[in-house]
Amino acid sequence: MANNSTEKTELERGLSLTQATAINMIDMVGIGPFVTMSLIVGAMKGPQCIIAWLLGALLAFMDGSIWSEMGAKWPMAGGSYVFLQKLYGKWGRMFAFLFIWQTTIQAPLVIASGAIGFAQYLTYLVKLTGWEQKIVSGALVLVLVMLLYRNIRTVGKISVVLWIITGGTIIWLILSGFKDFKPAQVFHFSDDAFDFTPLFFVGLGQASLKTIYSFLGYYNVCHLGAEIKQPERNIPRSIFISITGIAVLYLGMQIMVLGVLPWRKVAGSDFVVSIYFEHLYNPTVAKIATGLVLIIALSSLFSVTLGYSRVPYAAAIDGNFFPVFGKVHATKKFPHVSLLILCAFAFVFSLLFKMKEVITAIVTMRILIQFLGQSVGVILWHLNKPTDVRPYKMWLFPVPAIIAILVWLYILFTSPVFYIGIAFGIILSGLLLYFLLVRKARWNKSGV
């Protein structure tokens, strides 16, 4: 492992609590809730979709406790890459390698999903063919590179501005609906709404997968651990402030939309926010709101790309990944090669895939190694090393970790079998590659 002194000379602790929270929150919102809302309502077939949002919020809080404990203890670049090594001892290097292997596929998919969603939502304003949407999504990835090619202090200032736009837009959405809000429309359920059949739980699982996708990003501050001021305090604070704020905004937004528009209309629309504002005001205001949604989508991509670019960098400076990813810009002090390579893959993926399939793949493939791996690992860490100093300790241990494990397993096994197969396939291919490299390293008497 690279020592902390080396890392401190490479990256600058320039992000305050406000900036770290802004980065988390704009990562969490993005295009996600605006393109998944119709899918969530459709999967649950009515206002009972609120349950899926509550389940997503519960999981975010429980899992956020795990990330807070690890982030405060090990505030280094790379997040899960560092945590898995620390949690699993002699097996930690294998888990960390599997995470990096998964990240080289999953991180560009996350960036691509936001770019695809941006292009999809843009069609409300400008009619675009399928190929024209692909051109827009690819071009957006290039814009991200230009925005992020600067030092972390400047990035932090940009994040706060984008955070204000994001929060302001959602608050405007919620407040606008009061004049046409119909409580009976939100809280009137059909007779079979809560028939707890297997079909109900499958629908809830698939809806919750999409609400969780919309919540993802509360941990982004952990990937930037080496660049956070007073990380032992600010990492847990930024995580819980982010989750609380976004949960309130999401629930308010979903309730308000269902109180203004019939749920069947919501379920059948690709532009829920746009038709919501068109219904309340007029097409011109709807276009302005759509433009703000597009800014929010760009904001999220800005944040998520920033965080993920630090993960291969952390592995590279440890000697566990290609050395080129460890290069830091001479004057701007950020891992520019890692940023450029991840965005190059994201550019390609944005031209190849569709939004719905990307969302399911992103969440499913991350559950086993990253989320379940960390949840189980934290419990083992407490049991094996109870006297370790923990700058932040989760409340009611081990309840949050156990709840997180149960919910993650529920989401995994209610996902389509095809995507479960992909998740296991990535792990198996990573294991094969890892042991091949270990065997080769033993022959050469060198590291992996």
Protein backbone atom coordinates (compact mmCIF):
# COMPACT_ATOMS: atom_id res chain seq x y z
CA MET A 1 0.00 0.00 0.00
CA ALA A 2 1.15 3.54 -0.70
CA ASN A 3 1.68 5.52 2.47
CA ASN A 4 -0.38 8.54 3.39
CA SER A 5 2.50 10.96 3.07
CA THR A 6 2.89 10.11 -0.60
CA GLU A 7 -0.79 10.68 -1.20
CA LYS A 8 -0.78 14.02 0.58
CA THR A 9 1.90 15.34 -1.74
CA GLU A 10 -0.12 14.28 -4.77
CA LEU A 11 -3.67 15.40 -3.92
CA GLU A 12 -4.82 18.53 -2.10
CA ARG A 13 -7.28 18.58 0.82
CA GLY A 14 -9.25 21.46 -0.61
CA LEU A 15 -12.93 20.47 -0.21
CA SER A 16 -14.95 21.92 2.67
CA LEU A 17 -18.04 20.30 4.23
CA THR A 18 -20.29 22.50 2.07
CA GLN A 19 -18.44 21.58 -1.11
CA ALA A 20 -18.30 17.87 -0.22
CA THR A 21 -22.04 17.85 0.49
CA ALA A 22 -22.72 19.68 -2.77
CA ILE A 23 -20.70 17.09 -4.71
CA ASN A 24 -22.63 14.26 -3.03
CA MET A 25 -26.07 15.77 -3.59
CA ILE A 26 -25.62 16.69 -7.25
CA ASP A 27 -24.27 13.19 -7.82
CA MET A 28 -27.38 11.69 -6.19
CA VAL A 29 -29.95 13.67 -8.17
CA GLY A 30 -28.83 13.94 -11.77
CA ILE A 31 -31.18 12.64 -14.43
CA GLY A 32 -32.07 9.60 -12.30
CA PRO A 33 -35.36 10.56 -10.59
CA PHE A 34 -36.66 12.34 -13.68
CA VAL A 35 -36.31 9.32 -15.98
CA THR A 36 -37.05 6.61 -13.40
CA MET A 37 -40.18 8.12 -11.86
CA SER A 38 -42.44 6.76 -14.60
CA LEU A 39 -40.75 3.33 -14.36
CA ILE A 40 -41.22 3.24 -10.57
CA VAL A 41 -44.90 4.20 -10.73
CA GLY A 42 -45.46 1.70 -13.55
CA ALA A 43 -43.76 -1.15 -11.68
CA MET A 44 -45.92 -0.57 -8.57
CA LYS A 45 -49.08 0.33 -10.56
CA GLY A 46 -50.18 3.23 -8.44
CA PRO A 47 -49.39 5.66 -5.60
CA GLN A 48 -48.09 2.77 -3.49
CA CYS A 49 -44.83 3.44 -5.34
CA ILE A 50 -44.04 5.67 -2.32
CA ILE A 51 -43.05 2.42 -0.55
CA ALA A 52 -40.24 1.95 -3.07
CA TRP A 53 -38.93 5.47 -2.40
CA LEU A 54 -39.04 4.82 1.36
CA LEU A 55 -37.19 1.53 0.91
CA GLY A 56 -34.55 3.31 -1.16
CA ALA A 57 -34.16 5.97 1.55
CA LEU A 58 -33.92 3.31 4.29
CA LEU A 59 -31.19 1.48 2.41
CA ALA A 60 -29.30 4.73 1.77
CA PHE A 61 -29.33 5.57 5.50
CA MET A 62 -28.27 2.06 6.56
CA ASP A 63 -25.57 1.77 3.93
CA GLY A 64 -24.54 5.37 4.58
CA SER A 65 -23.71 4.35 8.16
CA ILE A 66 -21.27 1.78 6.78
CA TRP A 67 -19.63 4.23 4.39
CA SER A 68 -19.41 6.88 7.13
CA GLU A 69 -17.55 4.56 9.46
CA MET A 70 -15.08 3.47 6.80
CA GLY A 71 -14.65 6.93 5.28
CA ALA A 72 -13.86 8.53 8.64
CA LYS A 73 -11.38 5.77 9.47
CA TRP A 74 -9.61 5.64 6.08
CA PRO A 75 -10.00 9.03 4.33
CA MET A 76 -7.98 8.21 1.23
CA ALA A 77 -8.54 8.39 -2.52
CA GLY A 78 -10.33 5.37 -3.93
CA GLY A 79 -13.14 4.68 -1.44
CA SER A 80 -14.12 1.03 -1.73
CA TYR A 81 -10.73 0.09 -3.17
CA VAL A 82 -9.12 1.10 0.13
CA PHE A 83 -11.93 -0.12 2.38
CA LEU A 84 -12.04 -3.68 1.01
CA GLN A 85 -8.29 -4.08 1.52
CA LYS A 86 -8.50 -2.86 5.10
CA LEU A 87 -11.58 -4.94 5.96
CA TYR A 88 -10.47 -8.32 4.60
CA GLY A 89 -6.81 -8.56 5.60
CA LYS A 90 -4.95 -11.14 3.51
CA TRP A 91 -7.96 -11.48 1.20
CA GLY A 92 -8.33 -7.73 0.90
CA ARG A 93 -6.11 -7.45 -2.14
CA MET A 94 -8.31 -9.90 -4.03
CA PHE A 95 -11.52 -8.04 -3.11
CA ALA A 96 -9.92 -4.73 -4.05
CA PHE A 97 -8.83 -6.13 -7.42
CA LEU A 98 -12.35 -7.42 -8.09
CA PHE A 99 -13.71 -3.97 -7.26
CA ILE A 100 -11.29 -2.28 -9.66
CA TRP A 101 -12.08 -4.86 -12.35
CA GLN A 102 -15.79 -4.18 -11.88
CA THR A 103 -15.25 -0.41 -11.77
CA THR A 104 -13.50 -0.34 -15.16
CA ILE A 105 -16.84 -1.55 -16.59
CA GLN A 106 -19.35 -0.09 -14.16
CA ALA A 107 -18.00 3.47 -13.77
CA PRO A 108 -18.12 4.26 -17.50
CA LEU A 109 -21.62 2.73 -17.55
CA VAL A 110 -22.73 5.11 -14.81
CA ILE A 111 -21.36 8.09 -16.72
CA ALA A 112 -22.92 6.78 -19.94
CA SER A 113 -26.31 6.31 -18.26
CA GLY A 114 -26.43 9.97 -17.31
CA ALA A 115 -25.36 11.05 -20.78
CA ILE A 116 -28.00 8.79 -22.39
CA GLY A 117 -30.67 10.13 -20.02
CA PHE A 118 -29.64 13.70 -20.88
CA ALA A 119 -30.04 13.04 -24.61
CA GLN A 120 -33.37 11.28 -24.03
CA TYR A 121 -34.79 14.20 -22.03
CA LEU A 122 -33.48 16.72 -24.56
CA THR A 123 -35.93 15.30 -27.11
CA TYR A 124 -38.72 17.15 -25.29
CA LEU A 125 -37.10 20.37 -26.50
CA VAL A 126 -35.56 19.23 -29.78
CA LYS A 127 -36.75 16.33 -31.90
CA LEU A 128 -33.81 13.98 -32.30
CA THR A 129 -33.44 10.70 -34.13
CA GLY A 130 -31.83 7.73 -32.40
CA TRP A 131 -28.41 8.48 -33.87
CA GLU A 132 -28.70 12.17 -33.07
CA GLN A 133 -29.35 11.26 -29.44
CA LYS A 134 -26.19 9.14 -29.48
CA ILE A 135 -24.20 12.08 -30.83
CA VAL A 136 -25.53 14.30 -28.04
CA SER A 137 -24.70 11.75 -25.31
CA GLY A 138 -21.18 11.27 -26.68
CA ALA A 139 -20.61 15.02 -26.95
CA LEU A 140 -21.76 15.47 -23.35
CA VAL A 141 -18.98 13.15 -22.14
CA LEU A 142 -16.46 15.36 -23.93
CA VAL A 143 -17.92 18.44 -22.22
CA LEU A 144 -17.43 16.70 -18.86
CA VAL A 145 -13.74 16.23 -19.56
CA MET A 146 -13.38 19.96 -20.26
CA LEU A 147 -15.25 20.93 -17.07
CA LEU A 148 -13.26 18.57 -14.82
CA TYR A 149 -9.83 19.31 -16.25
CA ARG A 150 -8.96 21.72 -13.41
CA ASN A 151 -7.82 21.74 -9.76
CA ILE A 152 -10.01 20.51 -6.90
CA ARG A 153 -10.64 23.94 -5.35
CA THR A 154 -12.15 25.23 -8.59
CA VAL A 155 -14.15 22.00 -8.94
CA GLY A 156 -15.52 22.53 -5.41
CA LYS A 157 -16.71 26.05 -6.25
CA ILE A 158 -18.42 24.86 -9.45
CA SER A 159 -20.12 22.10 -7.45
CA VAL A 160 -21.74 24.58 -5.05
CA VAL A 161 -23.25 26.55 -7.95
CA LEU A 162 -24.61 23.36 -9.54
CA TRP A 163 -25.96 22.27 -6.13
CA ILE A 164 -27.95 25.51 -5.79
CA ILE A 165 -29.48 25.00 -9.26
CA THR A 166 -30.33 21.36 -8.45
CA GLY A 167 -31.98 22.04 -5.09
CA GLY A 168 -33.74 25.14 -6.35
CA THR A 169 -35.29 23.32 -9.29
CA ILE A 170 -36.72 20.51 -7.16
CA ILE A 171 -38.04 22.97 -4.56
CA TRP A 172 -39.70 24.95 -7.38
CA LEU A 173 -41.27 21.72 -8.63
CA ILE A 174 -42.66 20.88 -5.19
CA LEU A 175 -43.98 24.37 -4.39
CA SER A 176 -45.58 24.79 -7.84
CA GLY A 177 -47.86 21.82 -7.35
CA PHE A 178 -49.73 23.06 -4.26
CA LYS A 179 -52.33 25.01 -6.24
CA ASP A 180 -53.51 21.89 -8.14
CA PHE A 181 -52.68 19.28 -5.50
CA LYS A 182 -55.35 16.60 -4.91
CA PRO A 183 -54.61 14.62 -1.71
CA ALA A 184 -57.20 11.95 -2.54
CA GLN A 185 -55.35 11.22 -5.78
CA VAL A 186 -52.13 10.44 -3.91
CA PHE A 187 -53.55 8.47 -1.02
CA HIS A 188 -56.34 6.56 -2.77
CA PHE A 189 -55.26 2.98 -3.38
CA SER A 190 -56.99 0.30 -5.42
CA ASP A 191 -58.39 -2.74 -3.62
CA ASP A 192 -55.50 -4.94 -4.77
CA ALA A 193 -52.75 -2.34 -4.16
CA PHE A 194 -51.45 -4.21 -1.12
CA ASP A 195 -52.10 -7.82 -2.09
CA PHE A 196 -48.82 -9.23 -0.84
CA THR A 197 -48.43 -11.81 -3.59
CA PRO A 198 -45.07 -12.84 -5.14
CA LEU A 199 -45.88 -10.50 -8.03
CA PHE A 200 -46.20 -7.56 -5.60
CA PHE A 201 -42.76 -8.22 -4.11
CA VAL A 202 -41.15 -8.65 -7.53
CA GLY A 203 -42.66 -5.33 -8.59
CA LEU A 204 -41.48 -3.68 -5.37
CA GLY A 205 -37.99 -5.08 -5.88
CA GLN A 206 -37.75 -3.78 -9.44
CA ALA A 207 -39.18 -0.38 -8.44
CA SER A 208 -36.78 -0.18 -5.49
CA LEU A 209 -33.83 -0.97 -7.75
CA LYS A 210 -34.68 2.23 -9.62
CA THR A 211 -35.18 4.33 -6.49
CA ILE A 212 -31.83 3.08 -5.21
CA TYR A 213 -30.27 4.06 -8.54
CA SER A 214 -31.66 7.55 -7.90
CA PHE A 215 -30.15 7.62 -4.38
CA LEU A 216 -26.72 6.32 -5.38
CA GLY A 217 -23.95 8.85 -4.86
CA TYR A 218 -24.25 9.47 -1.10
CA TYR A 219 -20.80 7.86 -0.77
CA ASN A 220 -19.02 9.86 -3.49
CA VAL A 221 -17.23 11.87 -0.82
CA CYS A 222 -15.42 8.65 0.20
CA HIS A 223 -13.83 8.32 -3.25
CA LEU A 224 -12.48 11.85 -2.69
CA GLY A 225 -11.30 11.09 0.86
CA ALA A 226 -7.77 12.41 0.25
CA GLU A 227 -9.18 15.78 -0.85
CA ILE A 228 -11.63 16.45 2.04
CA LYS A 229 -10.77 18.87 4.84
CA GLN A 230 -11.15 17.37 8.35
CA PRO A 231 -12.37 14.08 6.83
CA GLU A 232 -13.02 12.32 10.16
CA ARG A 233 -15.86 14.80 10.81
CA ASN A 234 -16.85 16.00 7.36
CA ILE A 235 -17.22 12.67 5.55
CA PRO A 236 -19.96 11.27 7.86
CA ARG A 237 -21.67 14.67 8.04
CA SER A 238 -21.75 15.13 4.29
CA ILE A 239 -23.14 11.61 3.80
CA PHE A 240 -26.05 12.01 6.24
CA ILE A 241 -26.85 15.60 5.23
CA SER A 242 -26.95 14.46 1.59
CA ILE A 243 -29.22 11.46 2.21
CA THR A 244 -31.62 13.42 4.45
CA GLY A 245 -31.91 16.34 2.05
CA ILE A 246 -32.36 14.20 -1.06
CA ALA A 247 -34.86 11.84 0.63
CA VAL A 248 -37.07 14.80 1.58
CA LEU A 249 -36.84 16.25 -1.93
CA TYR A 250 -37.56 12.92 -3.67
CA LEU A 251 -40.56 12.08 -1.50
CA GLY A 252 -41.92 15.60 -1.86
CA MET A 253 -41.45 15.50 -5.62
CA GLN A 254 -43.11 12.10 -6.07
CA ILE A 255 -46.07 12.96 -3.83
CA MET A 256 -46.59 16.32 -5.52
CA VAL A 257 -46.44 14.86 -9.05
CA LEU A 258 -48.96 12.14 -8.14
CA GLY A 259 -51.22 14.78 -6.55
CA VAL A 260 -51.29 16.77 -9.79
CA LEU A 261 -51.17 14.10 -12.50
CA PRO A 262 -53.02 10.73 -12.58
CA TRP A 263 -50.61 7.89 -11.89
CA ARG A 264 -51.34 6.23 -15.26
CA LYS A 265 -50.28 9.41 -17.05
CA VAL A 266 -47.08 9.50 -14.98
CA ALA A 267 -46.35 5.84 -15.72
CA GLY A 268 -46.82 6.36 -19.45
CA SER A 269 -44.59 9.43 -19.88
CA ASP A 270 -40.90 9.76 -20.67
CA PHE A 271 -40.98 13.45 -19.66
CA VAL A 272 -42.80 13.49 -16.31
CA VAL A 273 -41.41 16.79 -15.07
CA SER A 274 -42.02 18.50 -18.40
CA ILE A 275 -45.69 17.46 -18.64
CA TYR A 276 -46.12 18.33 -14.95
CA PHE A 277 -45.04 21.94 -15.57
CA GLU A 278 -46.97 22.07 -18.83
CA HIS A 279 -50.10 21.03 -16.92
CA LEU A 280 -49.50 23.62 -14.17
CA TYR A 281 -48.38 26.52 -16.37
CA ASN A 282 -47.81 26.40 -20.12
CA PRO A 283 -45.42 24.87 -22.70
CA THR A 284 -42.92 27.73 -22.32
CA VAL A 285 -42.50 27.16 -18.59
CA ALA A 286 -42.28 23.41 -19.26
CA LYS A 287 -39.37 24.05 -21.61
CA ILE A 288 -37.60 26.17 -18.99
CA ALA A 289 -38.08 23.39 -16.42
CA THR A 290 -36.76 20.84 -18.90
CA GLY A 291 -33.67 22.99 -19.43
CA LEU A 292 -33.07 23.02 -15.68
CA VAL A 293 -33.43 19.23 -15.56
CA LEU A 294 -30.73 19.01 -18.21
CA ILE A 295 -28.44 21.23 -16.11
CA ILE A 296 -29.08 18.91 -13.15
CA ALA A 297 -28.17 15.91 -15.30
CA LEU A 298 -24.91 17.57 -16.29
CA SER A 299 -24.25 18.43 -12.64
CA SER A 300 -24.60 14.81 -11.57
CA LEU A 301 -22.29 13.61 -14.31
CA PHE A 302 -19.78 16.23 -13.22
CA SER A 303 -19.81 14.86 -9.68
CA VAL A 304 -19.87 11.13 -10.43
CA THR A 305 -17.05 11.37 -12.98
CA LEU A 306 -14.98 13.35 -10.49
CA GLY A 307 -15.34 10.64 -7.84
CA TYR A 308 -14.76 7.64 -10.08
CA SER A 309 -11.60 9.09 -11.61
CA ARG A 310 -9.95 8.71 -8.18
CA VAL A 311 -10.56 4.95 -7.92
CA PRO A 312 -8.16 3.61 -10.62
CA TYR A 313 -5.72 6.30 -9.49
CA ALA A 314 -5.68 4.86 -5.95
CA ALA A 315 -5.03 1.35 -7.25
CA ALA A 316 -2.30 2.55 -9.60
CA ILE A 317 -0.29 4.35 -6.92
CA ASP A 318 -0.45 1.12 -4.88
CA GLY A 319 1.03 -0.82 -7.80
CA ASN A 320 -2.17 -2.87 -8.20
CA PHE A 321 -3.30 -1.38 -11.51
CA PHE A 322 -1.80 0.01 -14.68
CA PRO A 323 0.77 2.69 -13.62
CA VAL A 324 -0.49 5.22 -16.16
CA PHE A 325 -3.67 5.69 -14.08
CA GLY A 326 -1.52 7.02 -11.22
CA LYS A 327 -0.26 10.06 -13.10
CA VAL A 328 -1.20 13.43 -11.56
CA HIS A 329 -1.36 16.67 -13.53
CA ALA A 330 1.79 18.68 -12.85
CA THR A 331 0.07 21.96 -12.00
CA LYS A 332 -3.63 21.20 -11.44
CA LYS A 333 -2.93 18.28 -9.06
CA PHE A 334 -5.60 15.80 -10.15
CA PRO A 335 -5.40 12.30 -11.78
CA HIS A 336 -5.91 13.47 -15.35
CA VAL A 337 -5.02 10.21 -17.12
CA SER A 338 -7.55 8.25 -15.06
CA LEU A 339 -10.19 10.86 -15.92
CA LEU A 340 -9.41 10.71 -19.63
CA ILE A 341 -9.46 6.90 -19.86
CA LEU A 342 -12.73 6.45 -17.93
CA CYS A 343 -14.39 9.11 -20.08
CA ALA A 344 -13.11 7.43 -23.24
CA PHE A 345 -14.90 4.20 -22.23
CA ALA A 346 -17.99 6.18 -21.20
CA PHE A 347 -18.02 7.84 -24.62
CA VAL A 348 -18.13 4.43 -26.32
CA PHE A 349 -20.79 3.04 -23.94
CA SER A 350 -22.98 6.11 -24.47
CA LEU A 351 -23.12 5.22 -28.16
CA LEU A 352 -23.94 1.52 -27.57
CA PHE A 353 -26.55 1.16 -24.84
CA LYS A 354 -30.07 2.23 -23.79
CA MET A 355 -31.09 3.86 -20.51
CA LYS A 356 -33.27 1.15 -18.95
CA GLU A 357 -30.79 -1.69 -19.48
CA VAL A 358 -27.90 0.42 -18.21
CA ILE A 359 -29.71 1.29 -14.93
CA THR A 360 -30.41 -2.35 -14.10
CA ALA A 361 -26.87 -3.44 -14.98
CA ILE A 362 -25.28 -0.66 -12.88
CA VAL A 363 -27.10 -1.52 -9.65
CA THR A 364 -27.02 -5.32 -10.01
CA MET A 365 -23.33 -5.68 -10.79
CA ARG A 366 -22.29 -3.51 -7.82
CA ILE A 367 -24.22 -5.33 -5.11
CA LEU A 368 -22.07 -8.40 -4.53
CA ILE A 369 -18.52 -7.05 -4.26
CA GLN A 370 -18.98 -3.43 -3.30
CA PHE A 371 -22.14 -3.13 -1.19
CA LEU A 372 -22.49 -6.62 0.30
CA GLY A 373 -18.73 -6.96 0.55
CA GLN A 374 -18.48 -3.80 2.63
CA SER A 375 -21.53 -4.57 4.78
CA VAL A 376 -20.21 -8.01 5.75
CA GLY A 377 -16.66 -6.66 6.07
CA VAL A 378 -17.64 -3.97 8.59
CA ILE A 379 -19.33 -6.56 10.81
CA LEU A 380 -16.22 -8.78 10.67
CA TRP A 381 -14.00 -5.77 11.40
CA HIS A 382 -15.98 -4.99 14.58
CA LEU A 383 -15.89 -8.62 15.70
CA ASN A 384 -12.20 -9.21 14.93
CA LYS A 385 -10.84 -5.81 16.00
CA PRO A 386 -13.23 -4.38 18.60
CA THR A 387 -10.56 -2.07 20.06
CA ASP A 388 -9.73 -0.30 16.77
CA VAL A 389 -10.16 3.47 16.95
CA ARG A 390 -13.21 4.53 14.93
CA PRO A 391 -13.60 8.31 14.45
CA TYR A 392 -17.23 7.63 13.59
CA LYS A 393 -19.08 4.55 14.84
CA MET A 394 -22.46 3.59 13.42
CA TRP A 395 -25.40 3.80 15.79
CA LEU A 396 -27.00 0.54 16.97
CA PHE A 397 -24.26 -1.64 15.48
CA PRO A 398 -24.75 -4.14 13.80
CA VAL A 399 -28.40 -3.34 12.97
CA PRO A 400 -27.72 -0.93 10.05
CA ALA A 401 -25.28 -3.37 8.43
CA ILE A 402 -27.70 -6.32 8.79
CA ILE A 403 -30.61 -4.32 7.34
CA ALA A 404 -28.40 -3.20 4.45
CA ILE A 405 -27.40 -6.81 3.73
CA LEU A 406 -31.01 -8.00 3.70
CA VAL A 407 -32.24 -5.19 1.44
CA TRP A 408 -29.31 -5.55 -0.99
CA LEU A 409 -30.01 -9.30 -1.27
CA TYR A 410 -33.70 -8.57 -1.87
CA ILE A 411 -32.86 -6.12 -4.66
CA LEU A 412 -30.38 -8.54 -6.20
CA PHE A 413 -32.67 -11.56 -6.33
CA THR A 414 -35.69 -9.65 -7.63
CA SER A 415 -33.59 -8.36 -10.54
CA PRO A 416 -33.88 -9.97 -13.99
CA VAL A 417 -31.90 -13.22 -14.20
CA PHE A 418 -29.90 -11.94 -17.17
CA TYR A 419 -28.37 -9.12 -15.11
CA ILE A 420 -27.71 -11.39 -12.13
CA GLY A 421 -25.80 -13.61 -14.54
CA ILE A 422 -23.76 -10.63 -15.77
CA ALA A 423 -22.89 -9.71 -12.17
CA PHE A 424 -21.63 -13.21 -11.38
CA GLY A 425 -19.87 -13.39 -14.73
CA ILE A 426 -17.87 -10.24 -14.02
CA ILE A 427 -16.85 -11.62 -10.63
CA LEU A 428 -15.80 -14.98 -12.07
CA SER A 429 -13.80 -13.38 -14.88
CA GLY A 430 -12.16 -11.08 -12.32
CA LEU A 431 -11.24 -14.04 -10.10
CA LEU A 432 -9.69 -15.90 -13.02
CA LEU A 433 -7.67 -12.84 -14.04
CA TYR A 434 -6.59 -12.18 -10.47
CA PHE A 435 -5.27 -15.69 -9.84
CA LEU A 436 -3.57 -15.74 -13.24
CA LEU A 437 -1.77 -12.52 -12.34
CA VAL A 438 -0.89 -13.83 -8.88
CA ARG A 439 0.53 -16.99 -10.41
CA LYS A 440 2.52 -14.98 -12.94
CA ALA A 441 3.76 -12.68 -10.17
CA ARG A 442 5.02 -15.66 -8.18
CA TRP A 443 6.92 -16.90 -11.21
CA ASN A 444 8.42 -13.46 -11.75
CA LYS A 445 8.82 -12.75 -8.02
CA SER A 446 7.08 -9.41 -8.46
CA GLY A 447 3.78 -7.79 -7.41
CA VAL A 448 0.45 -8.20 -9.23
